[in-house]
Amino acid sequence: MDKRLSIIQRILNGDIFSAKRVSKHYLLFALIGVYIFISILMGFISEVQYVRIGALKKELKEARNEELTISSELVNSTRQSAIAKQLKENGSELREANKPIIVIK
């Protein structure tokens, strides 16, 4: 128990960093620290990108729904019956043909 207590005291006092075994590996500890920092930073960056991807997917879904709505309105407004109704409302002289279309070969 005293040995564990003395190790904890050396760590808290900073005496462990003055030992020869540890002082030889300062560069290794610095490299490990840099790798830890980079991995945490990459985690934050990927989280931001994941949130952005979710927002873009939502925007894409809304754009698709809007496109479907516009295309269905266009299809409904260009039907022959809708055009004939608009012509009647505008008082146009155009009427539907009573004779069938003649195809010239």
C-alpha atoms as a PDB file:
ATOM      1  CA  MET A   1       0.000   0.000   0.000  1.00  0.00           C
ATOM      2  CA  ASP A   2       2.855   2.354   0.802  1.00  0.00           C
ATOM      3  CA  LYS A   3       4.384   1.668  -2.595  1.00  0.00           C
ATOM      4  CA  ARG A   4       1.159   2.656  -4.398  1.00  0.00           C
ATOM      5  CA  LEU A   5       0.870   5.737  -2.223  1.00  0.00           C
ATOM      6  CA  SER A   6       4.430   6.748  -2.981  1.00  0.00           C
ATOM      7  CA  ILE A   7       3.862   6.316  -6.754  1.00  0.00           C
ATOM      8  CA  ILE A   8       0.742   8.480  -6.574  1.00  0.00           C
ATOM      9  CA  GLN A   9       2.657  11.095  -4.567  1.00  0.00           C
ATOM     10  CA  ARG A  10       5.485  11.098  -7.140  1.00  0.00           C
ATOM     11  CA  ILE A  11       2.974  11.579  -9.965  1.00  0.00           C
ATOM     12  CA  LEU A  12       1.166  14.410  -8.181  1.00  0.00           C
ATOM     13  CA  ASN A  13       4.395  16.141  -7.179  1.00  0.00           C
ATOM     14  CA  GLY A  14       5.854  15.808 -10.668  1.00  0.00           C
ATOM     15  CA  ASP A  15       8.876  13.870  -9.433  1.00  0.00           C
ATOM     16  CA  ILE A  16       8.093  11.049 -11.832  1.00  0.00           C
ATOM     17  CA  PHE A  17       9.042  13.275 -14.782  1.00  0.00           C
ATOM     18  CA  SER A  18      12.544  13.741 -13.422  1.00  0.00           C
ATOM     19  CA  ALA A  19      13.268  10.004 -13.482  1.00  0.00           C
ATOM     20  CA  LYS A  20      15.755   8.884 -16.131  1.00  0.00           C
ATOM     21  CA  ARG A  21      13.410   6.289 -17.565  1.00  0.00           C
ATOM     22  CA  VAL A  22      10.699   8.868 -18.201  1.00  0.00           C
ATOM     23  CA  SER A  23      12.982  11.696 -19.289  1.00  0.00           C
ATOM     24  CA  LYS A  24      14.306   9.569 -22.155  1.00  0.00           C
ATOM     25  CA  HIS A  25      10.823   9.322 -23.656  1.00  0.00           C
ATOM     26  CA  TYR A  26       9.648  12.959 -23.661  1.00  0.00           C
ATOM     27  CA  LEU A  27       9.378  12.952 -27.442  1.00  0.00           C
ATOM     28  CA  LEU A  28       7.276   9.794 -27.364  1.00  0.00           C
ATOM     29  CA  PHE A  29       4.900  11.370 -24.824  1.00  0.00           C
ATOM     30  CA  ALA A  30       4.699  14.515 -26.937  1.00  0.00           C
ATOM     31  CA  LEU A  31       3.917  12.451 -30.037  1.00  0.00           C
ATOM     32  CA  ILE A  32       1.227  10.515 -28.184  1.00  0.00           C
ATOM     33  CA  GLY A  33      -0.241  13.829 -27.006  1.00  0.00           C
ATOM     34  CA  VAL A  34      -0.294  15.165 -30.566  1.00  0.00           C
ATOM     35  CA  TYR A  35      -2.007  11.998 -31.815  1.00  0.00           C
ATOM     36  CA  ILE A  36      -4.630  12.245 -29.074  1.00  0.00           C
ATOM     37  CA  PHE A  37      -5.240  15.913 -29.925  1.00  0.00           C
ATOM     38  CA  ILE A  38      -5.568  15.128 -33.635  1.00  0.00           C
ATOM     39  CA  SER A  39      -7.971  12.243 -33.017  1.00  0.00           C
ATOM     40  CA  ILE A  40     -10.200  14.426 -30.823  1.00  0.00           C
ATOM     41  CA  LEU A  41     -10.111  17.190 -33.428  1.00  0.00           C
ATOM     42  CA  MET A  42     -11.023  14.765 -36.224  1.00  0.00           C
ATOM     43  CA  GLY A  43     -13.914  13.496 -34.111  1.00  0.00           C
ATOM     44  CA  PHE A  44     -15.312  17.010 -33.795  1.00  0.00           C
ATOM     45  CA  ILE A  45     -14.849  17.675 -37.506  1.00  0.00           C
ATOM     46  CA  SER A  46     -16.613  14.448 -38.475  1.00  0.00           C
ATOM     47  CA  GLU A  47     -19.489  15.248 -36.111  1.00  0.00           C
ATOM     48  CA  VAL A  48     -19.946  18.664 -37.737  1.00  0.00           C
ATOM     49  CA  GLN A  49     -19.917  17.069 -41.189  1.00  0.00           C
ATOM     50  CA  TYR A  50     -22.429  14.428 -40.078  1.00  0.00           C
ATOM     51  CA  VAL A  51     -24.817  17.156 -38.876  1.00  0.00           C
ATOM     52  CA  ARG A  52     -24.321  19.032 -42.155  1.00  0.00           C
ATOM     53  CA  ILE A  53     -25.054  15.880 -44.168  1.00  0.00           C
ATOM     54  CA  GLY A  54     -28.283  15.412 -42.222  1.00  0.00           C
ATOM     55  CA  ALA A  55     -29.344  18.990 -42.950  1.00  0.00           C
ATOM     56  CA  LEU A  56     -28.521  18.581 -46.643  1.00  0.00           C
ATOM     57  CA  LYS A  57     -30.518  15.329 -46.814  1.00  0.00           C
ATOM     58  CA  LYS A  58     -33.504  17.126 -45.300  1.00  0.00           C
ATOM     59  CA  GLU A  59     -33.116  19.975 -47.798  1.00  0.00           C
ATOM     60  CA  LEU A  60     -32.872  17.474 -50.667  1.00  0.00           C
ATOM     61  CA  LYS A  61     -36.049  15.724 -49.528  1.00  0.00           C
ATOM     62  CA  GLU A  62     -37.904  19.054 -49.405  1.00  0.00           C
ATOM     63  CA  ALA A  63     -36.620  19.972 -52.880  1.00  0.00           C
ATOM     64  CA  ARG A  64     -37.775  16.618 -54.285  1.00  0.00           C
ATOM     65  CA  ASN A  65     -41.229  17.088 -52.779  1.00  0.00           C
ATOM     66  CA  GLU A  66     -41.440  20.584 -54.236  1.00  0.00           C
ATOM     67  CA  GLU A  67     -40.361  19.276 -57.644  1.00  0.00           C
ATOM     68  CA  LEU A  68     -43.047  16.587 -57.542  1.00  0.00           C
ATOM     69  CA  THR A  69     -45.684  19.154 -56.617  1.00  0.00           C
ATOM     70  CA  ILE A  70     -44.671  21.502 -59.417  1.00  0.00           C
ATOM     71  CA  SER A  71     -44.546  18.713 -62.020  1.00  0.00           C
ATOM     72  CA  SER A  72     -47.990  17.412 -61.042  1.00  0.00           C
ATOM     73  CA  GLU A  73     -49.427  20.937 -61.238  1.00  0.00           C
ATOM     74  CA  LEU A  74     -47.841  21.329 -64.672  1.00  0.00           C
ATOM     75  CA  VAL A  75     -49.308  18.023 -65.860  1.00  0.00           C
ATOM     76  CA  ASN A  76     -52.763  19.006 -64.596  1.00  0.00           C
ATOM     77  CA  SER A  77     -52.618  22.461 -66.168  1.00  0.00           C
ATOM     78  CA  THR A  78     -51.571  21.160 -69.603  1.00  0.00           C
ATOM     79  CA  ARG A  79     -54.341  18.566 -69.965  1.00  0.00           C
ATOM     80  CA  GLN A  80     -56.728  19.112 -72.813  1.00  0.00           C
ATOM     81  CA  SER A  81     -59.703  19.558 -70.526  1.00  0.00           C
ATOM     82  CA  ALA A  82     -57.865  22.161 -68.401  1.00  0.00           C
ATOM     83  CA  ILE A  83     -56.852  24.092 -71.524  1.00  0.00           C
ATOM     84  CA  ALA A  84     -60.406  24.001 -72.872  1.00  0.00           C
ATOM     85  CA  LYS A  85     -61.710  25.271 -69.539  1.00  0.00           C
ATOM     86  CA  GLN A  86     -59.203  28.139 -69.541  1.00  0.00           C
ATOM     87  CA  LEU A  87     -60.175  29.046 -73.092  1.00  0.00           C
ATOM     88  CA  LYS A  88     -63.870  29.187 -72.130  1.00  0.00           C
ATOM     89  CA  GLU A  89     -63.100  31.339 -69.099  1.00  0.00           C
ATOM     90  CA  ASN A  90     -61.047  33.762 -71.205  1.00  0.00           C
ATOM     91  CA  GLY A  91     -63.766  33.976 -73.859  1.00  0.00           C
ATOM     92  CA  SER A  92     -61.568  32.672 -76.678  1.00  0.00           C
ATOM     93  CA  GLU A  93     -63.028  31.673 -80.037  1.00  0.00           C
ATOM     94  CA  LEU A  94     -60.964  28.490 -80.207  1.00  0.00           C
ATOM     95  CA  ARG A  95     -62.937  25.256 -79.937  1.00  0.00           C
ATOM     96  CA  GLU A  96     -62.107  21.562 -79.970  1.00  0.00           C
ATOM     97  CA  ALA A  97     -61.969  19.943 -83.407  1.00  0.00           C
ATOM     98  CA  ASN A  98     -65.034  17.911 -84.404  1.00  0.00           C
ATOM     99  CA  LYS A  99     -63.304  16.166 -87.289  1.00  0.00           C
ATOM    100  CA  PRO A 100     -60.539  13.659 -86.748  1.00  0.00           C
ATOM    101  CA  ILE A 101     -56.987  14.640 -87.567  1.00  0.00           C
ATOM    102  CA  ILE A 102     -55.892  13.777 -91.127  1.00  0.00           C
ATOM    103  CA  VAL A 103     -52.433  12.302 -91.375  1.00  0.00           C
ATOM    104  CA  ILE A 104     -50.628  13.077 -94.643  1.00  0.00           C
ATOM    105  CA  LYS A 105     -48.177  10.398 -95.743  1.00  0.00           C
END
